[in-house]
């Protein structure tokens, strides 16, 4: 059985659903194939910075508190005996608030929004391989099998064909791997999280802890990474931590043990109690465009499959949705092209636009990762940086990637200049 479309999207997470939404809104016949069924659990902090909120606004997604969304007014940073609070600013380019929503609900709402825009989102469909055109060698579609309620593939393989295939299949990056897309020595994070009960579940601050120790505090190394607490307003908070490897090499750390130690010794004031049905889950986080090219021969990468994650803070949702918006621009140009060669040039503008918009900032993140990987640098930053408010004001804008690209205060102007002059690799 063969199904034809203009675009096939493998995966209906934030990047896949955003891609399906934008292309369907532009009149493309889009089929998004998601192997799981919503709602489904994902490892994530559940917190959205103003950068991600801006992407929701671009998509036309509402976020009423009555439907579980909780707003954050800023970032609270804790470390070295210091506690600093930085409100999200009123900027021309970004809203002045963040959001939190459990990831299972978030992904489902984005998929429903894509459906409402006209995309055909099919759950329980696992993409198993690509199809190549025998004459041109271009990717011309995908092979698919159904997935039953127990998560097993069943039935015969089906073919879904389209001139453009989008790999939005997450960290596994199966399509990109299968097509030999290069993995580069870029930063890689590892994160673990669980849900905890707390009376402080309605606090309006995202909280970041800048001290994660490899063993008993003061007798071991300070690790590159941070712990987070994102209140969810429903009696619980998403609590987790992540560490960073500058060149993507396995650290060998027991992250679940790190989380348990951190919960016992660093956040007692939250009064956490385990949510019995919640498990501690972990995942790798590919960062800083660690896989590419992001387009070649009819296959485009969006989100984690292309390493579109901020090396400073591990956020990927905002960048996946931004990439979807950028890919839709390229696809519209390709549709308007008069020849196949012009259409291919239009698709090749997609990775160029990504490098233009994000490449400099991601390069700064790679430099940052290589520095903080050294315990001595982490100790120096904690000891001498945290007590200085102007340093931390700059740092919080840098970590969150929420600064005014044109104008703003001294920190905005400095960051915009650094991102502009940094190589866009």
Protein backbone atom coordinates (compact mmCIF):
# COMPACT_ATOMS: atom_id res chain seq x y z
CA UNK A 1 0.00 0.00 0.00
CA UNK A 2 1.39 3.40 -1.00
CA UNK A 3 0.27 6.81 0.27
CA UNK A 4 1.30 10.03 -1.50
CA UNK A 5 1.81 13.46 0.06
CA UNK A 6 3.77 16.67 -0.44
CA UNK A 7 5.74 16.19 2.79
CA UNK A 8 6.25 13.27 5.15
CA UNK A 9 7.30 14.14 8.71
CA UNK A 10 8.80 11.36 10.83
CA UNK A 11 7.93 12.18 14.43
CA UNK A 12 5.28 14.41 16.00
CA UNK A 13 7.14 15.91 18.92
CA UNK A 14 7.50 19.71 19.10
CA UNK A 15 9.69 19.90 15.99
CA UNK A 16 7.60 17.49 13.95
CA UNK A 17 4.25 18.96 14.94
CA UNK A 18 5.49 22.51 14.34
CA UNK A 19 6.78 21.48 10.91
CA UNK A 20 3.45 19.84 10.07
CA UNK A 21 1.57 22.93 11.27
CA UNK A 22 3.58 25.45 9.26
CA UNK A 23 3.58 23.42 6.04
CA UNK A 24 -0.12 22.55 6.28
CA UNK A 25 -0.90 26.21 6.86
CA UNK A 26 0.95 26.98 3.63
CA UNK A 27 -1.25 24.53 1.73
CA UNK A 28 1.05 21.48 1.63
CA UNK A 29 -0.43 17.99 2.01
CA UNK A 30 1.49 16.89 5.10
CA UNK A 31 1.47 13.52 6.83
CA UNK A 32 3.19 13.33 10.23
CA UNK A 33 3.94 9.81 11.49
CA UNK A 34 4.34 9.28 15.25
CA UNK A 35 5.20 5.80 16.54
CA UNK A 36 3.69 6.41 20.01
CA UNK A 37 0.18 7.46 20.97
CA UNK A 38 -0.60 10.66 22.82
CA UNK A 39 -0.28 11.42 25.62
CA UNK A 40 3.16 9.87 25.87
CA UNK A 41 5.98 10.51 28.33
CA UNK A 42 9.20 12.26 27.39
CA UNK A 43 12.28 13.20 29.39
CA UNK A 44 12.19 16.99 29.68
CA UNK A 45 12.31 19.76 32.26
CA UNK A 46 8.82 20.93 31.21
CA UNK A 47 9.93 24.56 31.43
CA UNK A 48 9.75 26.97 28.50
CA UNK A 49 11.80 30.16 28.35
CA UNK A 50 10.44 33.30 26.68
CA UNK A 51 12.20 32.12 23.49
CA UNK A 52 9.95 29.04 23.40
CA UNK A 53 6.88 31.10 24.33
CA UNK A 54 7.60 33.30 21.33
CA UNK A 55 7.50 30.23 19.10
CA UNK A 56 4.11 29.26 20.55
CA UNK A 57 2.90 32.76 19.72
CA UNK A 58 4.14 32.41 16.14
CA UNK A 59 2.15 29.16 15.86
CA UNK A 60 -0.98 30.74 17.32
CA UNK A 61 -1.13 28.45 20.35
CA UNK A 62 -2.96 29.74 23.43
CA UNK A 63 -1.77 28.88 26.92
CA UNK A 64 -4.57 29.62 29.44
CA UNK A 65 -3.93 28.81 33.08
CA UNK A 66 -7.26 26.97 33.12
CA UNK A 67 -5.67 24.30 30.90
CA UNK A 68 -2.67 23.68 33.13
CA UNK A 69 -0.18 26.25 31.85
CA UNK A 70 1.72 28.03 34.62
CA UNK A 71 3.65 31.23 34.01
CA UNK A 72 7.11 31.99 35.35
CA UNK A 73 8.22 35.54 35.89
CA UNK A 74 11.93 34.83 35.88
CA UNK A 75 14.91 32.69 36.74
CA UNK A 76 16.19 32.12 40.26
CA UNK A 77 19.86 31.06 40.35
CA UNK A 78 21.36 29.39 43.43
CA UNK A 79 24.95 28.45 44.16
CA UNK A 80 27.96 29.20 46.34
CA UNK A 81 25.71 30.38 49.15
CA UNK A 82 24.05 32.95 46.90
CA UNK A 83 20.44 33.25 45.76
CA UNK A 84 19.73 35.61 42.85
CA UNK A 85 16.46 36.33 41.06
CA UNK A 86 16.31 37.70 37.52
CA UNK A 87 12.88 38.59 36.12
CA UNK A 88 12.29 38.03 32.42
CA UNK A 89 12.60 41.46 30.85
CA UNK A 90 10.11 43.37 28.77
CA UNK A 91 11.83 43.10 25.37
CA UNK A 92 10.68 43.92 21.89
CA UNK A 93 11.72 40.48 20.61
CA UNK A 94 10.42 38.27 23.43
CA UNK A 95 7.51 38.05 25.88
CA UNK A 96 8.36 38.81 29.51
CA UNK A 97 7.35 35.44 30.93
CA UNK A 98 8.09 31.74 30.63
CA UNK A 99 5.73 28.78 30.85
CA UNK A 100 5.61 25.30 32.32
CA UNK A 101 3.45 22.36 31.29
CA UNK A 102 4.11 18.61 31.61
CA UNK A 103 5.67 17.36 28.40
CA UNK A 104 3.03 14.68 27.75
CA UNK A 105 0.34 17.39 27.64
CA UNK A 106 2.55 19.81 25.70
CA UNK A 107 3.31 17.40 22.86
CA UNK A 108 -0.30 16.33 22.55
CA UNK A 109 -1.47 19.94 22.27
CA UNK A 110 1.06 20.70 19.56
CA UNK A 111 0.00 17.61 17.61
CA UNK A 112 -3.66 18.62 17.93
CA UNK A 113 -2.78 22.11 16.75
CA UNK A 114 -1.06 20.64 13.69
CA UNK A 115 -4.21 18.62 12.95
CA UNK A 116 -6.34 21.73 13.30
CA UNK A 117 -4.06 23.43 10.76
CA UNK A 118 -4.79 20.68 8.23
CA UNK A 119 -1.95 18.22 8.80
CA UNK A 120 -2.66 14.48 8.82
CA UNK A 121 -1.06 13.36 12.10
CA UNK A 122 -1.07 9.58 12.43
CA UNK A 123 -0.23 7.98 15.76
CA UNK A 124 1.01 4.40 16.11
CA UNK A 125 3.03 4.59 12.87
CA UNK A 126 6.73 3.72 13.12
CA UNK A 127 9.05 4.84 10.32
CA UNK A 128 11.45 1.96 9.65
CA UNK A 129 13.47 3.13 6.64
CA UNK A 130 13.64 5.59 3.77
CA UNK A 131 12.73 4.98 0.13
CA UNK A 132 15.08 6.21 -2.58
CA UNK A 133 14.22 7.08 -6.14
CA UNK A 134 15.96 4.49 -8.31
CA UNK A 135 16.87 7.02 -11.01
CA UNK A 136 17.99 10.06 -9.02
CA UNK A 137 19.05 8.50 -5.71
CA UNK A 138 17.03 11.12 -3.83
CA UNK A 139 14.95 10.16 -0.84
CA UNK A 140 11.40 9.80 -2.05
CA UNK A 141 9.52 8.59 1.03
CA UNK A 142 9.59 6.22 3.98
CA UNK A 143 8.61 2.70 4.92
CA UNK A 144 6.22 2.39 7.83
CA UNK A 145 4.76 -0.26 10.12
CA UNK A 146 1.86 0.08 12.52
CA UNK A 147 2.49 -0.05 16.25
CA UNK A 148 -0.08 -1.66 18.56
CA UNK A 149 -1.09 -0.54 22.03
CA UNK A 150 1.70 -2.65 23.54
CA UNK A 151 4.33 -0.82 21.48
CA UNK A 152 5.02 -3.70 19.08
CA UNK A 153 5.25 -3.32 15.32
CA UNK A 154 2.53 -5.28 13.56
CA UNK A 155 1.31 -5.87 10.03
CA UNK A 156 2.97 -5.44 6.68
CA UNK A 157 5.17 -2.52 5.70
CA UNK A 158 3.53 0.41 3.97
CA UNK A 159 5.09 3.10 1.80
CA UNK A 160 4.55 6.82 2.25
CA UNK A 161 6.01 8.85 -0.62
CA UNK A 162 6.73 12.58 -0.87
CA UNK A 163 9.29 14.91 -2.48
CA UNK A 164 10.38 16.06 0.99
CA UNK A 165 10.93 13.88 4.08
CA UNK A 166 11.53 15.54 7.45
CA UNK A 167 13.39 13.62 10.15
CA UNK A 168 11.97 14.90 13.44
CA UNK A 169 12.53 11.56 15.17
CA UNK A 170 14.35 12.88 18.22
CA UNK A 171 17.57 11.85 19.92
CA UNK A 172 17.60 8.44 18.25
CA UNK A 173 18.03 10.16 14.85
CA UNK A 174 17.38 6.84 13.11
CA UNK A 175 16.78 8.33 9.69
CA UNK A 176 19.83 10.58 9.87
CA UNK A 177 21.98 7.70 11.11
CA UNK A 178 20.69 5.39 8.42
CA UNK A 179 21.58 7.94 5.77
CA UNK A 180 25.08 8.48 7.09
CA UNK A 181 24.61 12.01 8.33
CA UNK A 182 27.83 13.00 10.07
CA UNK A 183 27.98 13.21 13.84
CA UNK A 184 30.37 15.95 14.91
CA UNK A 185 32.36 16.20 18.18
CA UNK A 186 29.98 18.69 19.71
CA UNK A 187 28.68 19.02 23.28
CA UNK A 188 26.40 16.29 24.57
CA UNK A 189 24.32 16.51 27.71
CA UNK A 190 22.78 13.83 29.88
CA UNK A 191 19.70 14.73 31.90
CA UNK A 192 17.52 12.92 34.44
CA UNK A 193 14.26 14.07 35.96
CA UNK A 194 11.32 13.00 38.06
CA UNK A 195 8.13 14.57 39.39
CA UNK A 196 7.95 15.48 43.09
CA UNK A 197 5.16 16.74 45.31
CA UNK A 198 5.73 20.08 47.00
CA UNK A 199 3.67 22.78 48.72
CA UNK A 200 5.61 25.33 46.66
CA UNK A 201 4.17 24.11 43.37
CA UNK A 202 2.74 27.52 42.45
CA UNK A 203 5.96 29.51 42.78
CA UNK A 204 6.43 31.84 39.79
CA UNK A 205 10.18 31.25 39.42
CA UNK A 206 12.13 28.69 37.44
CA UNK A 207 14.92 27.65 39.78
CA UNK A 208 18.42 26.67 38.66
CA UNK A 209 21.10 25.25 40.98
CA UNK A 210 24.62 25.79 39.68
CA UNK A 211 26.41 23.31 41.98
CA UNK A 212 26.26 19.61 41.13
CA UNK A 213 28.94 17.53 42.87
CA UNK A 214 30.31 14.19 41.74
CA UNK A 215 30.26 12.94 45.35
CA UNK A 216 29.98 14.35 48.85
CA UNK A 217 30.04 18.15 48.73
CA UNK A 218 33.47 19.64 49.23
CA UNK A 219 35.26 16.33 48.80
CA UNK A 220 34.74 15.87 45.06
CA UNK A 221 34.62 17.71 41.77
CA UNK A 222 32.08 20.34 40.83
CA UNK A 223 30.47 19.05 37.64
CA UNK A 224 29.61 21.04 34.50
CA UNK A 225 25.84 21.23 34.62
CA UNK A 226 22.98 22.35 36.79
CA UNK A 227 19.91 21.19 38.65
CA UNK A 228 16.45 22.56 38.02
CA UNK A 229 13.10 22.89 39.72
CA UNK A 230 10.14 23.89 37.56
CA UNK A 231 6.88 24.26 39.53
CA UNK A 232 3.84 22.93 37.66
CA UNK A 233 0.98 24.40 39.69
CA UNK A 234 -0.73 21.03 40.18
CA UNK A 235 0.86 20.05 43.48
CA UNK A 236 4.07 18.91 41.80
CA UNK A 237 7.30 20.16 40.28
CA UNK A 238 9.56 18.78 37.60
CA UNK A 239 12.91 18.24 39.31
CA UNK A 240 16.07 17.16 37.53
CA UNK A 241 19.68 17.75 36.68
CA UNK A 242 21.94 17.55 33.68
CA UNK A 243 25.67 17.38 33.03
CA UNK A 244 27.68 18.36 29.99
CA UNK A 245 30.43 16.73 27.93
CA UNK A 246 32.15 19.25 25.67
CA UNK A 247 32.98 16.77 22.88
CA UNK A 248 30.15 14.30 23.38
CA UNK A 249 32.16 11.61 25.16
CA UNK A 250 30.37 9.45 27.76
CA UNK A 251 31.09 10.69 31.28
CA UNK A 252 30.49 7.39 33.07
CA UNK A 253 28.52 9.22 35.78
CA UNK A 254 25.55 7.62 37.52
CA UNK A 255 23.06 10.41 36.93
CA UNK A 256 20.26 8.81 38.89
CA UNK A 257 22.54 8.60 41.93
CA UNK A 258 23.57 12.23 41.38
CA UNK A 259 19.91 13.25 41.37
CA UNK A 260 19.13 11.37 44.57
CA UNK A 261 22.14 12.90 46.33
CA UNK A 262 21.18 16.38 45.15
CA UNK A 263 17.58 15.93 46.32
CA UNK A 264 18.78 14.83 49.76
CA UNK A 265 21.37 17.53 50.37
CA UNK A 266 20.66 20.63 48.27
CA UNK A 267 16.92 21.33 48.07
CA UNK A 268 15.57 20.51 51.52
CA UNK A 269 13.59 23.79 51.63
CA UNK A 270 11.22 22.50 48.94
CA UNK A 271 9.87 19.72 51.15
CA UNK A 272 9.80 17.24 48.27
CA UNK A 273 7.88 13.99 48.45
CA UNK A 274 8.04 11.46 45.61
CA UNK A 275 5.12 11.10 43.23
CA UNK A 276 4.67 7.36 43.52
CA UNK A 277 3.75 6.75 39.90
CA UNK A 278 6.63 8.89 38.61
CA UNK A 279 9.85 7.24 37.51
CA UNK A 280 13.30 8.76 37.30
CA UNK A 281 13.98 8.92 33.57
CA UNK A 282 17.06 10.01 31.69
CA UNK A 283 18.10 10.86 28.15
CA UNK A 284 21.03 12.08 26.09
CA UNK A 285 20.83 15.62 24.71
CA UNK A 286 22.68 16.29 21.41
CA UNK A 287 23.71 19.93 21.17
CA UNK A 288 25.10 22.68 18.96
CA UNK A 289 24.24 21.21 15.54
CA UNK A 290 26.06 17.94 16.29
CA UNK A 291 24.68 16.22 13.20
CA UNK A 292 24.45 17.32 9.60
CA UNK A 293 23.98 18.36 6.94
CA UNK A 294 20.51 19.49 7.91
CA UNK A 295 19.32 19.03 4.36
CA UNK A 296 20.48 16.78 1.53
CA UNK A 297 18.82 14.73 -1.21
CA UNK A 298 15.24 15.27 -0.06
CA UNK A 299 15.79 14.67 3.69
CA UNK A 300 15.69 17.56 6.19
CA UNK A 301 16.56 17.30 9.89
CA UNK A 302 14.56 19.16 12.54
CA UNK A 303 15.11 19.26 16.30
CA UNK A 304 17.17 16.73 18.25
CA UNK A 305 17.88 14.66 15.14
CA UNK A 306 20.05 17.57 13.97
CA UNK A 307 21.43 18.51 17.40
CA UNK A 308 19.37 21.69 17.65
CA UNK A 309 19.83 22.15 21.40
CA UNK A 310 21.27 25.09 23.34
CA UNK A 311 24.69 24.09 24.78
CA UNK A 312 24.29 26.60 27.61
CA UNK A 313 21.09 25.25 29.13
CA UNK A 314 19.98 22.10 27.29
CA UNK A 315 16.80 23.66 25.87
CA UNK A 316 15.72 22.14 22.57
CA UNK A 317 12.01 22.84 22.17
CA UNK A 318 12.38 26.48 21.12
CA UNK A 319 15.02 25.65 18.52
CA UNK A 320 13.08 22.70 17.11
CA UNK A 321 10.05 24.94 16.56
CA UNK A 322 12.23 27.69 15.10
CA UNK A 323 13.79 25.19 12.70
CA UNK A 324 10.30 24.09 11.63
CA UNK A 325 9.42 27.68 10.83
CA UNK A 326 12.64 28.08 8.86
CA UNK A 327 12.12 24.85 6.92
CA UNK A 328 8.63 25.98 5.93
CA UNK A 329 10.14 29.14 4.42
CA UNK A 330 12.51 27.02 2.34
CA UNK A 331 9.72 24.67 1.27
CA UNK A 332 7.57 27.55 0.04
CA UNK A 333 10.51 28.85 -2.01
CA UNK A 334 11.04 25.36 -3.44
CA UNK A 335 7.38 25.11 -4.44
CA UNK A 336 7.61 28.41 -6.28
CA UNK A 337 10.78 27.36 -8.14
CA UNK A 338 10.55 26.91 -11.92
CA UNK A 339 13.05 24.06 -12.19
CA UNK A 340 14.18 21.10 -10.09
CA UNK A 341 17.59 22.75 -9.69
CA UNK A 342 16.03 25.94 -8.34
CA UNK A 343 13.88 23.90 -5.95
CA UNK A 344 16.95 22.10 -4.63
CA UNK A 345 18.71 25.41 -4.10
CA UNK A 346 15.70 26.60 -2.13
CA UNK A 347 15.86 23.57 0.17
CA UNK A 348 19.61 24.10 0.61
CA UNK A 349 18.81 27.57 1.97
CA UNK A 350 17.38 25.86 5.07
CA UNK A 351 20.74 24.89 6.67
CA UNK A 352 22.18 28.25 5.66
CA UNK A 353 19.36 30.09 7.46
CA UNK A 354 19.85 27.94 10.54
CA UNK A 355 23.56 28.75 10.64
CA UNK A 356 22.77 32.43 10.10
CA UNK A 357 20.28 32.56 12.96
CA UNK A 358 21.83 30.15 15.48
CA UNK A 359 25.35 29.25 14.40
CA UNK A 360 27.19 32.05 16.19
CA UNK A 361 25.37 31.52 19.48
CA UNK A 362 25.91 27.75 19.32
CA UNK A 363 29.63 28.35 18.73
CA UNK A 364 29.73 30.45 21.91
CA UNK A 365 28.02 27.52 23.65
CA UNK A 366 30.70 25.12 22.46
CA UNK A 367 33.40 27.40 23.90
CA UNK A 368 31.45 27.64 27.15
CA UNK A 369 31.15 23.85 27.35
CA UNK A 370 34.88 23.34 26.84
CA UNK A 371 35.63 25.78 29.66
CA UNK A 372 33.18 24.64 32.33
CA UNK A 373 34.14 21.00 31.77
CA UNK A 374 37.18 21.74 33.96
CA UNK A 375 36.36 21.54 37.71
CA UNK A 376 38.73 24.42 38.49
CA UNK A 377 36.89 26.72 36.07
CA UNK A 378 33.56 25.73 37.60
CA UNK A 379 34.88 26.50 41.10
CA UNK A 380 36.22 29.87 39.99
CA UNK A 381 32.93 30.79 38.30
CA UNK A 382 30.93 29.82 41.37
CA UNK A 383 33.24 31.56 43.82
CA UNK A 384 33.90 34.80 41.96
CA UNK A 385 31.02 35.10 39.49
CA UNK A 386 27.96 34.50 41.63
CA UNK A 387 28.60 37.34 44.12
CA UNK A 388 28.72 39.89 41.27
CA UNK A 389 25.26 40.89 40.15
CA UNK A 390 26.32 42.46 36.83
CA UNK A 391 28.21 39.28 35.92
CA UNK A 392 25.20 37.12 36.72
CA UNK A 393 22.85 39.49 34.87
CA UNK A 394 24.94 38.91 31.76
CA UNK A 395 25.17 35.18 32.50
CA UNK A 396 21.44 34.65 32.89
CA UNK A 397 20.80 36.30 29.51
CA UNK A 398 23.56 34.20 27.95
CA UNK A 399 22.31 30.91 29.40
CA UNK A 400 18.66 31.51 28.49
CA UNK A 401 19.37 32.99 25.02
CA UNK A 402 16.84 35.71 25.74
CA UNK A 403 18.39 39.02 24.78
CA UNK A 404 17.51 41.86 22.42
CA UNK A 405 19.39 41.27 19.13
CA UNK A 406 19.19 44.96 18.28
CA UNK A 407 19.42 47.56 21.01
CA UNK A 408 18.65 46.70 24.61
CA UNK A 409 21.03 47.21 27.52
CA UNK A 410 24.79 46.65 27.68
CA UNK A 411 24.37 42.90 28.17
CA UNK A 412 22.06 42.60 25.15
CA UNK A 413 24.45 44.56 22.96
CA UNK A 414 27.46 42.53 24.11
CA UNK A 415 25.75 39.21 23.50
CA UNK A 416 24.43 40.26 20.11
CA UNK A 417 27.92 41.32 19.06
CA UNK A 418 29.53 38.10 20.29
CA UNK A 419 26.94 35.95 18.49
CA UNK A 420 27.36 37.98 15.33
CA UNK A 421 31.17 37.74 15.14
CA UNK A 422 31.47 34.11 16.28
CA UNK A 423 32.04 31.55 13.49
CA UNK A 424 28.80 29.96 12.27
CA UNK A 425 30.05 26.39 12.15
